[in-house]
C-alpha atoms as a PDB file:
ATOM      1  CA  MET A   1       8.430  13.807   8.982  1.00  0.00           C
ATOM      2  CA  LEU A   2       4.927  12.533   8.451  1.00  0.00           C
ATOM      3  CA  THR A   3       3.557  11.413  11.828  1.00  0.00           C
ATOM      4  CA  ARG A   4       0.388   9.625  12.537  1.00  0.00           C
ATOM      5  CA  GLU A   5      -1.096  12.820  13.844  1.00  0.00           C
ATOM      6  CA  LEU A   6      -0.365  14.635  10.671  1.00  0.00           C
ATOM      7  CA  SER A   7      -1.794  11.870   8.615  1.00  0.00           C
ATOM      8  CA  GLU A   8      -5.091  11.913  10.780  1.00  0.00           C
ATOM      9  CA  LYS A   9      -5.181  15.651  10.245  1.00  0.00           C
ATOM     10  CA  ARG A  10      -4.752  15.335   6.447  1.00  0.00           C
ATOM     11  CA  GLU A  11      -7.725  12.989   6.351  1.00  0.00           C
ATOM     12  CA  TYR A  12      -9.992  15.794   7.734  1.00  0.00           C
ATOM     13  CA  GLU A  13      -8.589  18.146   5.174  1.00  0.00           C
ATOM     14  CA  ILE A  14      -8.754  15.862   2.115  1.00  0.00           C
ATOM     15  CA  LEU A  15     -11.406  13.162   2.614  1.00  0.00           C
ATOM     16  CA  SER A  16     -15.112  13.409   2.082  1.00  0.00           C
ATOM     17  CA  PRO A  17     -17.374  14.170   5.070  1.00  0.00           C
ATOM     18  CA  PHE A  18     -18.716  10.659   4.528  1.00  0.00           C
ATOM     19  CA  ALA A  19     -15.252   9.019   4.844  1.00  0.00           C
ATOM     20  CA  ALA A  20     -14.390   6.976   7.876  1.00  0.00           C
ATOM     21  CA  LYS A  21     -11.536   8.866   9.732  1.00  0.00           C
ATOM     22  CA  ALA A  22      -8.803   6.799  11.476  1.00  0.00           C
ATOM     23  CA  ALA A  23      -8.887   9.293  14.466  1.00  0.00           C
ATOM     24  CA  GLU A  24     -12.531   8.406  14.951  1.00  0.00           C
ATOM     25  CA  SER A  25     -12.157   4.629  14.873  1.00  0.00           C
ATOM     26  CA  ARG A  26     -14.279   2.730  17.340  1.00  0.00           C
ATOM     27  CA  GLY A  27     -11.101   1.111  18.412  1.00  0.00           C
ATOM     28  CA  ARG A  28      -9.889  -2.390  19.218  1.00  0.00           C
ATOM     29  CA  PHE A  29     -10.967  -5.056  21.656  1.00  0.00           C
ATOM     30  CA  ASP A  30      -7.660  -4.793  23.403  1.00  0.00           C
ATOM     31  CA  HIS A  31      -6.190  -1.402  23.917  1.00  0.00           C
ATOM     32  CA  GLU A  32      -2.642  -0.895  22.609  1.00  0.00           C
ATOM     33  CA  PRO A  33      -0.364   2.077  22.092  1.00  0.00           C
ATOM     34  CA  GLN A  34      -0.744   3.761  18.810  1.00  0.00           C
ATOM     35  CA  CYS A  35       1.968   3.832  16.154  1.00  0.00           C
ATOM     36  CA  HIS A  36       4.019   7.008  15.797  1.00  0.00           C
ATOM     37  CA  TYR A  37       3.802   7.000  11.990  1.00  0.00           C
ATOM     38  CA  ARG A  38       0.918   4.872  10.884  1.00  0.00           C
ATOM     39  CA  THR A  39      -2.796   5.325  11.383  1.00  0.00           C
ATOM     40  CA  ASP A  40      -4.851   2.493  12.965  1.00  0.00           C
ATOM     41  CA  TYR A  41      -6.263   1.449   9.548  1.00  0.00           C
ATOM     42  CA  GLN A  42      -2.735   1.427   8.046  1.00  0.00           C
ATOM     43  CA  ARG A  43      -1.603  -0.776  10.914  1.00  0.00           C
ATOM     44  CA  ASP A  44      -4.506  -3.173  10.292  1.00  0.00           C
ATOM     45  CA  ARG A  45      -3.609  -3.447   6.538  1.00  0.00           C
ATOM     46  CA  ASP A  46      -0.035  -4.220   7.391  1.00  0.00           C
ATOM     47  CA  ARG A  47      -0.895  -6.891   9.999  1.00  0.00           C
ATOM     48  CA  ILE A  48      -3.106  -8.670   7.323  1.00  0.00           C
ATOM     49  CA  ILE A  49      -0.461  -8.379   4.557  1.00  0.00           C
ATOM     50  CA  HIS A  50       2.149  -9.899   6.817  1.00  0.00           C
ATOM     51  CA  SER A  51      -0.126 -12.801   8.037  1.00  0.00           C
ATOM     52  CA  LYS A  52       0.311 -16.486   7.279  1.00  0.00           C
ATOM     53  CA  ALA A  53      -3.389 -16.644   6.449  1.00  0.00           C
ATOM     54  CA  LEU A  54      -2.917 -14.179   3.567  1.00  0.00           C
ATOM     55  CA  ARG A  55       0.090 -16.135   2.138  1.00  0.00           C
ATOM     56  CA  ARG A  56      -1.919 -19.312   2.059  1.00  0.00           C
ATOM     57  CA  LEU A  57      -4.419 -17.725  -0.330  1.00  0.00           C
ATOM     58  CA  MET A  58      -1.829 -18.111  -3.108  1.00  0.00           C
ATOM     59  CA  HIS A  59      -2.560 -21.841  -3.106  1.00  0.00           C
ATOM     60  CA  LYS A  60      -6.252 -21.847  -2.689  1.00  0.00           C
ATOM     61  CA  THR A  61      -8.528 -22.284  -5.698  1.00  0.00           C
ATOM     62  CA  GLN A  62     -10.748 -19.525  -7.071  1.00  0.00           C
ATOM     63  CA  VAL A  63     -12.961 -21.372  -9.526  1.00  0.00           C
ATOM     64  CA  PHE A  64     -11.068 -24.104 -11.298  1.00  0.00           C
ATOM     65  CA  LEU A  65     -10.427 -27.238  -9.134  1.00  0.00           C
ATOM     66  CA  SER A  66      -7.277 -28.203 -11.162  1.00  0.00           C
ATOM     67  CA  PRO A  67      -6.175 -25.185 -13.146  1.00  0.00           C
ATOM     68  CA  GLU A  68      -3.356 -25.945 -15.613  1.00  0.00           C
ATOM     69  CA  GLY A  69      -1.272 -22.876 -16.417  1.00  0.00           C
ATOM     70  CA  ASP A  70       0.269 -19.986 -14.607  1.00  0.00           C
ATOM     71  CA  HIS A  71      -2.357 -17.277 -15.326  1.00  0.00           C
ATOM     72  CA  TYR A  72      -5.559 -18.532 -13.661  1.00  0.00           C
ATOM     73  CA  ARG A  73      -6.806 -16.610 -10.665  1.00  0.00           C
ATOM     74  CA  THR A  74      -6.303 -17.856  -7.110  1.00  0.00           C
ATOM     75  CA  ARG A  75      -7.735 -16.547  -3.871  1.00  0.00           C
ATOM     76  CA  LEU A  76      -4.763 -14.355  -3.515  1.00  0.00           C
ATOM     77  CA  THR A  77      -4.886 -12.707  -6.948  1.00  0.00           C
ATOM     78  CA  HIS A  78      -8.672 -12.238  -6.463  1.00  0.00           C
ATOM     79  CA  THR A  79      -7.930 -10.493  -3.175  1.00  0.00           C
ATOM     80  CA  LEU A  80      -5.391  -8.151  -4.852  1.00  0.00           C
ATOM     81  CA  GLU A  81      -7.877  -7.384  -7.640  1.00  0.00           C
ATOM     82  CA  VAL A  82     -10.608  -6.501  -5.154  1.00  0.00           C
ATOM     83  CA  ALA A  83      -8.155  -4.259  -3.278  1.00  0.00           C
ATOM     84  CA  GLN A  84      -7.185  -2.432  -6.453  1.00  0.00           C
ATOM     85  CA  ILE A  85     -10.872  -1.852  -7.596  1.00  0.00           C
ATOM     86  CA  SER A  86     -11.844  -0.783  -4.040  1.00  0.00           C
ATOM     87  CA  LYS A  87      -8.933   1.620  -3.763  1.00  0.00           C
ATOM     88  CA  SER A  88      -9.733   3.253  -7.174  1.00  0.00           C
ATOM     89  CA  ILE A  89     -13.343   3.828  -6.105  1.00  0.00           C
ATOM     90  CA  ALA A  90     -12.366   5.169  -2.728  1.00  0.00           C
ATOM     91  CA  ARG A  91      -9.803   7.573  -4.236  1.00  0.00           C
ATOM     92  CA  ALA A  92     -12.341   8.967  -6.649  1.00  0.00           C
ATOM     93  CA  LEU A  93     -15.019   9.418  -3.928  1.00  0.00           C
ATOM     94  CA  ARG A  94     -12.390  10.794  -1.416  1.00  0.00           C
ATOM     95  CA  LEU A  95     -13.021   7.967   0.985  1.00  0.00           C
ATOM     96  CA  ASN A  96     -10.453   6.210   3.143  1.00  0.00           C
ATOM     97  CA  GLU A  97      -8.162   4.115   0.969  1.00  0.00           C
ATOM     98  CA  ASP A  98      -6.269   2.626   3.872  1.00  0.00           C
ATOM     99  CA  LEU A  99      -9.539   1.252   5.341  1.00  0.00           C
ATOM    100  CA  VAL A 100     -10.750  -0.177   1.999  1.00  0.00           C
ATOM    101  CA  GLU A 101      -7.363  -1.858   1.430  1.00  0.00           C
ATOM    102  CA  ALA A 102      -7.419  -3.423   4.970  1.00  0.00           C
ATOM    103  CA  ILE A 103     -10.920  -4.800   4.482  1.00  0.00           C
ATOM    104  CA  ALA A 104     -10.217  -6.042   0.977  1.00  0.00           C
ATOM    105  CA  MET A 105      -7.003  -7.839   1.962  1.00  0.00           C
ATOM    106  CA  GLY A 106      -8.787  -9.568   4.839  1.00  0.00           C
ATOM    107  CA  HIS A 107     -12.176 -10.413   3.348  1.00  0.00           C
ATOM    108  CA  ASP A 108     -11.390 -13.975   2.055  1.00  0.00           C
ATOM    109  CA  LEU A 109      -8.859 -15.104   4.684  1.00  0.00           C
ATOM    110  CA  GLY A 110     -11.444 -17.788   5.865  1.00  0.00           C
ATOM    111  CA  HIS A 111     -11.964 -19.478   2.472  1.00  0.00           C
ATOM    112  CA  THR A 112     -11.547 -23.233   2.362  1.00  0.00           C
ATOM    113  CA  PRO A 113      -9.434 -25.245  -0.040  1.00  0.00           C
ATOM    114  CA  PHE A 114     -11.194 -26.079  -3.354  1.00  0.00           C
ATOM    115  CA  GLY A 115     -13.064 -22.762  -3.635  1.00  0.00           C
ATOM    116  CA  HIS A 116     -16.847 -22.520  -2.962  1.00  0.00           C
ATOM    117  CA  ASN A 117     -17.163 -26.300  -3.340  1.00  0.00           C
ATOM    118  CA  GLY A 118     -15.061 -26.753  -0.310  1.00  0.00           C
ATOM    119  CA  GLU A 119     -17.143 -24.329   1.560  1.00  0.00           C
ATOM    120  CA  THR A 120     -20.226 -26.232   0.497  1.00  0.00           C
ATOM    121  CA  PHE A 121     -19.021 -29.543   1.764  1.00  0.00           C
ATOM    122  CA  LEU A 122     -17.713 -28.122   5.044  1.00  0.00           C
ATOM    123  CA  ASN A 123     -21.013 -26.393   5.451  1.00  0.00           C
ATOM    124  CA  ASP A 124     -22.695 -29.856   5.216  1.00  0.00           C
ATOM    125  CA  ILE A 125     -20.354 -31.450   7.689  1.00  0.00           C
ATOM    126  CA  PHE A 126     -19.823 -28.865  10.431  1.00  0.00           C
ATOM    127  CA  PRO A 127     -22.680 -28.446  13.016  1.00  0.00           C
ATOM    128  CA  GLY A 128     -24.120 -25.011  12.636  1.00  0.00           C
ATOM    129  CA  GLY A 129     -22.856 -24.562   9.025  1.00  0.00           C
ATOM    130  CA  PHE A 130     -19.828 -22.843   7.551  1.00  0.00           C
ATOM    131  CA  ARG A 131     -19.732 -19.351   6.076  1.00  0.00           C
ATOM    132  CA  HIS A 132     -16.358 -18.131   4.851  1.00  0.00           C
ATOM    133  CA  ASN A 133     -16.982 -14.451   5.845  1.00  0.00           C
ATOM    134  CA  GLU A 134     -17.483 -15.589   9.501  1.00  0.00           C
ATOM    135  CA  GLN A 135     -14.408 -17.761   9.223  1.00  0.00           C
ATOM    136  CA  SER A 136     -12.450 -14.817   7.892  1.00  0.00           C
ATOM    137  CA  LEU A 137     -13.442 -12.848  11.033  1.00  0.00           C
ATOM    138  CA  ARG A 138     -12.377 -15.748  13.223  1.00  0.00           C
ATOM    139  CA  VAL A 139      -9.002 -15.924  11.435  1.00  0.00           C
ATOM    140  CA  VAL A 140      -8.216 -12.272  12.279  1.00  0.00           C
ATOM    141  CA  ASP A 141      -9.785 -12.510  15.809  1.00  0.00           C
ATOM    142  CA  VAL A 142      -8.504 -15.844  17.016  1.00  0.00           C
ATOM    143  CA  LEU A 143      -6.606 -18.089  14.609  1.00  0.00           C
ATOM    144  CA  GLU A 144      -3.715 -15.997  13.374  1.00  0.00           C
ATOM    145  CA  VAL A 145      -0.740 -16.289  15.842  1.00  0.00           C
ATOM    146  CA  SER A 146       2.239 -14.074  15.865  1.00  0.00           C
ATOM    147  CA  ASN A 147       5.477 -16.008  15.570  1.00  0.00           C
ATOM    148  CA  SER A 148       7.350 -13.385  17.493  1.00  0.00           C
ATOM    149  CA  SER A 149       5.059 -12.525  20.386  1.00  0.00           C
ATOM    150  CA  GLY A 150       2.780 -15.615  20.370  1.00  0.00           C
ATOM    151  CA  ARG A 151      -0.179 -13.271  20.570  1.00  0.00           C
ATOM    152  CA  ARG A 152      -3.394 -14.808  19.233  1.00  0.00           C
ATOM    153  CA  GLY A 153      -5.471 -12.779  16.811  1.00  0.00           C
ATOM    154  CA  MET A 154      -4.628  -9.512  15.031  1.00  0.00           C
ATOM    155  CA  ASN A 155      -6.633  -7.134  17.377  1.00  0.00           C
ATOM    156  CA  LEU A 156      -7.967  -5.141  14.332  1.00  0.00           C
ATOM    157  CA  THR A 157     -10.218  -2.182  14.512  1.00  0.00           C
ATOM    158  CA  LYS A 158     -14.022  -2.598  14.585  1.00  0.00           C
ATOM    159  CA  GLU A 159     -14.444  -0.940  11.192  1.00  0.00           C
ATOM    160  CA  VAL A 160     -12.137  -3.396   9.523  1.00  0.00           C
ATOM    161  CA  ARG A 161     -13.642  -6.396  11.315  1.00  0.00           C
ATOM    162  CA  ASP A 162     -17.151  -5.194  10.268  1.00  0.00           C
ATOM    163  CA  GLY A 163     -16.086  -4.895   6.638  1.00  0.00           C
ATOM    164  CA  ILE A 164     -14.656  -8.318   6.613  1.00  0.00           C
ATOM    165  CA  LEU A 165     -17.725  -9.954   8.198  1.00  0.00           C
ATOM    166  CA  ASN A 166     -20.287  -8.158   6.089  1.00  0.00           C
ATOM    167  CA  HIS A 167     -18.503  -8.227   2.736  1.00  0.00           C
ATOM    168  CA  THR A 168     -21.124 -10.780   1.709  1.00  0.00           C
ATOM    169  CA  GLY A 169     -24.679 -11.412   3.000  1.00  0.00           C
ATOM    170  CA  SER A 170     -27.681  -9.102   3.663  1.00  0.00           C
ATOM    171  CA  ILE A 171     -26.140  -6.866   6.342  1.00  0.00           C
ATOM    172  CA  LYS A 172     -24.712  -3.482   5.000  1.00  0.00           C
ATOM    173  CA  PRO A 173     -21.264  -2.721   6.391  1.00  0.00           C
ATOM    174  CA  MET A 174     -21.157   0.232   8.808  1.00  0.00           C
ATOM    175  CA  THR A 175     -18.696   2.341   6.671  1.00  0.00           C
ATOM    176  CA  LEU A 176     -18.876   3.360   3.072  1.00  0.00           C
ATOM    177  CA  GLU A 177     -15.394   1.808   2.733  1.00  0.00           C
ATOM    178  CA  GLY A 178     -16.872  -1.558   3.714  1.00  0.00           C
ATOM    179  CA  GLN A 179     -19.715  -1.067   1.213  1.00  0.00           C
ATOM    180  CA  ILE A 180     -17.153  -0.421  -1.489  1.00  0.00           C
ATOM    181  CA  VAL A 181     -15.387  -3.709  -0.781  1.00  0.00           C
ATOM    182  CA  LYS A 182     -18.751  -5.570  -0.798  1.00  0.00           C
ATOM    183  CA  ILE A 183     -19.650  -4.358  -4.356  1.00  0.00           C
ATOM    184  CA  SER A 184     -16.052  -4.612  -5.661  1.00  0.00           C
ATOM    185  CA  ASP A 185     -15.827  -8.181  -4.596  1.00  0.00           C
ATOM    186  CA  ARG A 186     -18.636  -8.993  -7.064  1.00  0.00           C
ATOM    187  CA  VAL A 187     -17.210  -6.679  -9.817  1.00  0.00           C
ATOM    188  CA  ALA A 188     -13.895  -8.491  -9.478  1.00  0.00           C
ATOM    189  CA  TYR A 189     -15.014 -12.097  -9.415  1.00  0.00           C
ATOM    190  CA  ILE A 190     -17.636 -11.849 -12.092  1.00  0.00           C
ATOM    191  CA  ASN A 191     -15.174 -10.373 -14.556  1.00  0.00           C
ATOM    192  CA  HIS A 192     -12.051 -12.228 -13.731  1.00  0.00           C
ATOM    193  CA  ASP A 193     -13.926 -15.481 -13.685  1.00  0.00           C
ATOM    194  CA  ILE A 194     -15.263 -14.807 -17.153  1.00  0.00           C
ATOM    195  CA  ASP A 195     -11.678 -14.067 -18.240  1.00  0.00           C
ATOM    196  CA  ASP A 196     -10.400 -17.386 -16.848  1.00  0.00           C
ATOM    197  CA  ALA A 197     -13.410 -19.205 -18.483  1.00  0.00           C
ATOM    198  CA  ILE A 198     -12.502 -17.677 -21.896  1.00  0.00           C
ATOM    199  CA  ARG A 199      -8.779 -18.502 -21.378  1.00  0.00           C
ATOM    200  CA  SER A 200      -9.793 -22.169 -20.665  1.00  0.00           C
ATOM    201  CA  GLU A 201     -12.010 -22.099 -23.793  1.00  0.00           C
ATOM    202  CA  ILE A 202     -15.143 -23.087 -21.778  1.00  0.00           C
ATOM    203  CA  ILE A 203     -16.849 -20.084 -23.277  1.00  0.00           C
ATOM    204  CA  SER A 204     -15.903 -17.384 -25.734  1.00  0.00           C
ATOM    205  CA  GLU A 205     -16.590 -13.677 -25.614  1.00  0.00           C
ATOM    206  CA  SER A 206     -19.276 -14.069 -28.234  1.00  0.00           C
ATOM    207  CA  ASP A 207     -21.106 -16.548 -26.015  1.00  0.00           C
ATOM    208  CA  ILE A 208     -21.886 -13.881 -23.303  1.00  0.00           C
ATOM    209  CA  PRO A 209     -25.372 -12.434 -23.833  1.00  0.00           C
ATOM    210  CA  LYS A 210     -25.247  -9.437 -26.080  1.00  0.00           C
ATOM    211  CA  GLN A 211     -27.752  -7.600 -23.857  1.00  0.00           C
ATOM    212  CA  TYR A 212     -24.982  -7.447 -21.182  1.00  0.00           C
ATOM    213  CA  THR A 213     -21.942  -6.908 -23.255  1.00  0.00           C
ATOM    214  CA  ASP A 214     -23.541  -4.124 -25.298  1.00  0.00           C
ATOM    215  CA  MET A 215     -24.088  -2.232 -22.119  1.00  0.00           C
ATOM    216  CA  LEU A 216     -21.043  -3.203 -20.091  1.00  0.00           C
ATOM    217  CA  GLY A 217     -18.401  -3.753 -22.721  1.00  0.00           C
ATOM    218  CA  HIS A 218     -16.893  -6.429 -24.903  1.00  0.00           C
ATOM    219  CA  SER A 219     -13.751  -7.236 -22.826  1.00  0.00           C
ATOM    220  CA  THR A 220     -12.878  -7.717 -19.114  1.00  0.00           C
ATOM    221  CA  ARG A 221     -11.101  -4.401 -19.052  1.00  0.00           C
ATOM    222  CA  GLN A 222     -14.129  -2.539 -20.500  1.00  0.00           C
ATOM    223  CA  ARG A 223     -16.626  -4.137 -18.189  1.00  0.00           C
ATOM    224  CA  ILE A 224     -14.780  -3.426 -15.091  1.00  0.00           C
ATOM    225  CA  ASP A 225     -14.205   0.165 -16.213  1.00  0.00           C
ATOM    226  CA  THR A 226     -17.884   0.600 -16.937  1.00  0.00           C
ATOM    227  CA  LEU A 227     -19.034  -0.781 -13.526  1.00  0.00           C
ATOM    228  CA  VAL A 228     -16.458   1.171 -11.609  1.00  0.00           C
ATOM    229  CA  THR A 229     -17.373   4.380 -13.387  1.00  0.00           C
ATOM    230  CA  ASP A 230     -20.996   3.757 -12.639  1.00  0.00           C
ATOM    231  CA  LEU A 231     -20.386   3.121  -9.041  1.00  0.00           C
ATOM    232  CA  ILE A 232     -18.411   6.362  -8.590  1.00  0.00           C
ATOM    233  CA  LYS A 233     -20.920   8.487 -10.439  1.00  0.00           C
ATOM    234  CA  SER A 234     -23.945   6.933  -8.616  1.00  0.00           C
ATOM    235  CA  SER A 235     -22.307   7.271  -5.205  1.00  0.00           C
ATOM    236  CA  ASP A 236     -20.725  10.714  -5.462  1.00  0.00           C
ATOM    237  CA  GLY A 237     -21.989  12.913  -2.655  1.00  0.00           C
ATOM    238  CA  GLN A 238     -24.226  10.169  -1.234  1.00  0.00           C
ATOM    239  CA  ASP A 239     -24.211   8.561   2.147  1.00  0.00           C
ATOM    240  CA  ALA A 240     -24.217   5.005   0.631  1.00  0.00           C
ATOM    241  CA  ILE A 241     -22.329   3.164  -2.102  1.00  0.00           C
ATOM    242  CA  GLN A 242     -24.674   2.227  -4.934  1.00  0.00           C
ATOM    243  CA  GLN A 243     -24.952   1.330  -8.515  1.00  0.00           C
ATOM    244  CA  SER A 244     -27.478   2.718 -10.996  1.00  0.00           C
ATOM    245  CA  GLU A 245     -30.430   0.494 -11.495  1.00  0.00           C
ATOM    246  CA  MET A 246     -29.585  -0.153 -15.099  1.00  0.00           C
ATOM    247  CA  TYR A 247     -25.975  -1.154 -14.613  1.00  0.00           C
ATOM    248  CA  GLY A 248     -26.793  -2.992 -11.366  1.00  0.00           C
ATOM    249  CA  ALA A 249     -29.297  -5.085 -13.252  1.00  0.00           C
ATOM    250  CA  ALA A 250     -26.821  -5.803 -15.993  1.00  0.00           C
ATOM    251  CA  MET A 251     -24.151  -7.021 -13.651  1.00  0.00           C
ATOM    252  CA  GLN A 252     -26.668  -9.231 -11.796  1.00  0.00           C
ATOM    253  CA  GLY A 253     -27.685 -10.702 -15.217  1.00  0.00           C
ATOM    254  CA  LEU A 254     -24.003 -11.427 -15.976  1.00  0.00           C
ATOM    255  CA  ARG A 255     -23.651 -13.015 -12.531  1.00  0.00           C
ATOM    256  CA  GLU A 256     -26.613 -15.382 -13.198  1.00  0.00           C
ATOM    257  CA  TYR A 257     -25.151 -16.231 -16.571  1.00  0.00           C
ATOM    258  CA  MET A 258     -21.844 -17.158 -14.851  1.00  0.00           C
ATOM    259  CA  PHE A 259     -23.693 -19.368 -12.284  1.00  0.00           C
ATOM    260  CA  GLU A 260     -25.414 -21.222 -15.115  1.00  0.00           C
ATOM    261  CA  HIS A 261     -22.542 -21.682 -17.460  1.00  0.00           C
ATOM    262  CA  ILE A 262     -19.330 -21.546 -15.360  1.00  0.00           C
ATOM    263  CA  TYR A 263     -19.892 -22.045 -11.541  1.00  0.00           C
ATOM    264  CA  HIS A 264     -22.259 -24.990 -12.081  1.00  0.00           C
ATOM    265  CA  SER A 265     -20.582 -26.273 -15.275  1.00  0.00           C
ATOM    266  CA  HIS A 266     -19.767 -29.920 -15.548  1.00  0.00           C
ATOM    267  CA  ILE A 267     -16.754 -28.900 -17.594  1.00  0.00           C
ATOM    268  CA  VAL A 268     -15.216 -26.740 -14.930  1.00  0.00           C
ATOM    269  CA  LYS A 269     -16.236 -29.115 -12.139  1.00  0.00           C
ATOM    270  CA  GLY A 270     -17.086 -32.576 -13.199  1.00  0.00           C
ATOM    271  CA  ASP A 271     -19.240 -34.693 -10.902  1.00  0.00           C
ATOM    272  CA  GLU A 272     -16.431 -37.190 -10.455  1.00  0.00           C
ATOM    273  CA  GLU A 273     -14.048 -34.447  -9.358  1.00  0.00           C
ATOM    274  CA  LEU A 274     -16.579 -32.892  -6.898  1.00  0.00           C
ATOM    275  CA  ILE A 275     -17.201 -36.425  -5.396  1.00  0.00           C
ATOM    276  CA  LYS A 276     -13.381 -36.696  -4.840  1.00  0.00           C
ATOM    277  CA  VAL A 277     -13.241 -33.272  -3.179  1.00  0.00           C
ATOM    278  CA  GLU A 278     -16.120 -34.142  -0.936  1.00  0.00           C
ATOM    279  CA  CYS A 279     -14.606 -37.472   0.019  1.00  0.00           C
ATOM    280  CA  LEU A 280     -11.234 -35.746   0.768  1.00  0.00           C
ATOM    281  CA  ILE A 281     -12.773 -33.121   3.008  1.00  0.00           C
ATOM    282  CA  ARG A 282     -15.058 -35.574   4.816  1.00  0.00           C
ATOM    283  CA  SER A 283     -12.222 -38.018   5.335  1.00  0.00           C
ATOM    284  CA  LEU A 284      -9.870 -35.410   6.755  1.00  0.00           C
ATOM    285  CA  TYR A 285     -12.632 -33.971   8.994  1.00  0.00           C
ATOM    286  CA  ASP A 286     -13.386 -37.449  10.425  1.00  0.00           C
ATOM    287  CA  TYR A 287      -9.792 -38.243  10.951  1.00  0.00           C
ATOM    288  CA  TYR A 288      -8.879 -35.195  12.816  1.00  0.00           C
ATOM    289  CA  ARG A 289     -11.968 -35.354  14.886  1.00  0.00           C
ATOM    290  CA  ASN A 290     -10.807 -38.743  16.093  1.00  0.00           C
ATOM    291  CA  HIS A 291      -7.085 -37.752  16.255  1.00  0.00           C
ATOM    292  CA  PRO A 292      -7.145 -34.208  17.824  1.00  0.00           C
ATOM    293  CA  ASP A 293      -3.542 -34.602  18.979  1.00  0.00           C
ATOM    294  CA  GLU A 294      -2.470 -34.408  15.310  1.00  0.00           C
ATOM    295  CA  ILE A 295      -4.029 -30.991  14.616  1.00  0.00           C
ATOM    296  CA  THR A 296      -1.594 -28.150  14.024  1.00  0.00           C
ATOM    297  CA  LYS A 297      -0.156 -26.635  17.175  1.00  0.00           C
ATOM    298  CA  ASP A 298      -1.566 -23.213  16.434  1.00  0.00           C
ATOM    299  CA  TYR A 299      -5.098 -24.593  16.829  1.00  0.00           C
ATOM    300  CA  ILE A 300      -4.880 -27.499  19.203  1.00  0.00           C
ATOM    301  CA  SER A 301      -4.859 -25.293  22.329  1.00  0.00           C
ATOM    302  CA  LEU A 302      -8.334 -24.095  21.350  1.00  0.00           C
ATOM    303  CA  ILE A 303     -10.030 -27.483  21.752  1.00  0.00           C
ATOM    304  CA  GLU A 304     -10.610 -26.982  25.407  1.00  0.00           C
ATOM    305  CA  THR A 305     -12.416 -23.756  25.017  1.00  0.00           C
ATOM    306  CA  ASP A 306     -14.099 -24.019  21.486  1.00  0.00           C
ATOM    307  CA  GLY A 307     -14.627 -27.715  21.222  1.00  0.00           C
ATOM    308  CA  ILE A 308     -13.135 -30.341  18.906  1.00  0.00           C
ATOM    309  CA  GLU A 309     -15.678 -29.713  16.047  1.00  0.00           C
ATOM    310  CA  VAL A 310     -14.873 -26.031  15.794  1.00  0.00           C
ATOM    311  CA  VAL A 311     -11.124 -26.690  15.814  1.00  0.00           C
ATOM    312  CA  VAL A 312     -11.267 -29.405  13.140  1.00  0.00           C
ATOM    313  CA  LYS A 313     -13.367 -26.986  11.038  1.00  0.00           C
ATOM    314  CA  ASP A 314     -10.682 -24.329  11.567  1.00  0.00           C
ATOM    315  CA  HIS A 315      -7.876 -26.802  10.703  1.00  0.00           C
ATOM    316  CA  ILE A 316      -9.603 -27.977   7.426  1.00  0.00           C
ATOM    317  CA  ALA A 317     -10.555 -24.496   6.294  1.00  0.00           C
ATOM    318  CA  SER A 318      -7.035 -23.208   6.767  1.00  0.00           C
ATOM    319  CA  MET A 319      -5.540 -25.844   4.373  1.00  0.00           C
ATOM    320  CA  THR A 320      -4.376 -24.916   0.881  1.00  0.00           C
ATOM    321  CA  ASP A 321      -5.625 -27.195  -1.936  1.00  0.00           C
ATOM    322  CA  ARG A 322      -2.237 -28.830  -2.270  1.00  0.00           C
ATOM    323  CA  TYR A 323      -1.700 -29.336   1.463  1.00  0.00           C
ATOM    324  CA  ALA A 324      -5.107 -30.954   1.757  1.00  0.00           C
ATOM    325  CA  ILE A 325      -4.316 -33.326  -1.134  1.00  0.00           C
ATOM    326  CA  GLU A 326      -0.871 -34.196   0.375  1.00  0.00           C
ATOM    327  CA  ASP A 327      -2.390 -34.710   3.765  1.00  0.00           C
ATOM    328  CA  TYR A 328      -4.999 -37.003   2.428  1.00  0.00           C
ATOM    329  CA  LYS A 329      -2.396 -39.018   0.580  1.00  0.00           C
ATOM    330  CA  ARG A 330      -0.271 -39.309   3.669  1.00  0.00           C
ATOM    331  CA  LEU A 331      -3.206 -40.456   5.737  1.00  0.00           C
ATOM    332  CA  PHE A 332      -5.141 -42.688   3.399  1.00  0.00           C
ATOM    333  CA  VAL A 333      -3.009 -43.701   0.423  1.00  0.00           C
ATOM    334  CA  PRO A 334      -0.523 -46.581   0.944  1.00  0.00           C
ATOM    335  CA  THR A 335       3.027 -45.272   0.496  1.00  0.00           C
ATOM    336  CA  GLY A 336       3.722 -47.833  -2.257  1.00  0.00           C
ATOM    337  CA  TRP A 337       0.858 -46.463  -4.311  1.00  0.00           C
ATOM    338  CA  GLN A 338       1.940 -42.830  -4.254  1.00  0.00           C
ATOM    339  CA  VAL A 339       3.583 -41.458  -7.428  1.00  0.00           C
ATOM    340  CA  LYS A 340       6.943 -39.981  -6.708  1.00  0.00           C
END
């Protein structure tokens, strides 16, 4: 029988001296008995995988506001790709795969409907601004509610919480595992967003600047393999996760190309569509701010402690694209006008 104690012992025998060991976790906010068979990082991963917040990501946009077809990425498929890339790097470097998987599965739980555009509009509306990494931490700390126990929050370890919060931004995660997820997130979205853009015929492989494809590869598979291999070689035996200067610069150049030709493309996100998304989010925000009694029961109890603005922000951010659209139709479109 493989007990938690044996798993923790194996980590010391197998993992790198630089790896985060479950037995040395900085713990949880609220003390709880440990599992007999799973380490703390494995429990954190399982809690995130079984959460309602993770399930909602399957209906949240990655890039395309109205993707037609079954093969475009969503927030959930992006999350799975980040987890896979992160685990591959962690395995090669003998770092803690359970920890990187937990961080990767939780890193985007706070994303709004309608991708980064939803985040931009909610940032404009909500006092103090909106950042999806901070919202992801709020989801795991406060917003997720257990159906069985009614307990609020997942009570995750500090290492997982730190990795979720700092997967983007200027602060470096406290563990190498968190640093892996931070870079893997970019490796994943740059390359799979290119793949989706090629599938939708917005760009072709030949449109990508040759200075990047000659170095990184001429397909999504090749580019991911090149970047992952470089990360592993550059980080082996080091106390930080890093890219080589040459490949890091190439990936940054590819990212800038994507912002110019995909993320800010009028083909992907026409001005009229963005105006509609902004109108939808502003209308829902104003409505629930004036009708707090209609906010979902999981959140309504937080109004007294956190304030109506925070809770309305939580409610809007939690919506999937299709739920937000249907809610808008229910509230603002006369029944007789709605298409059955």
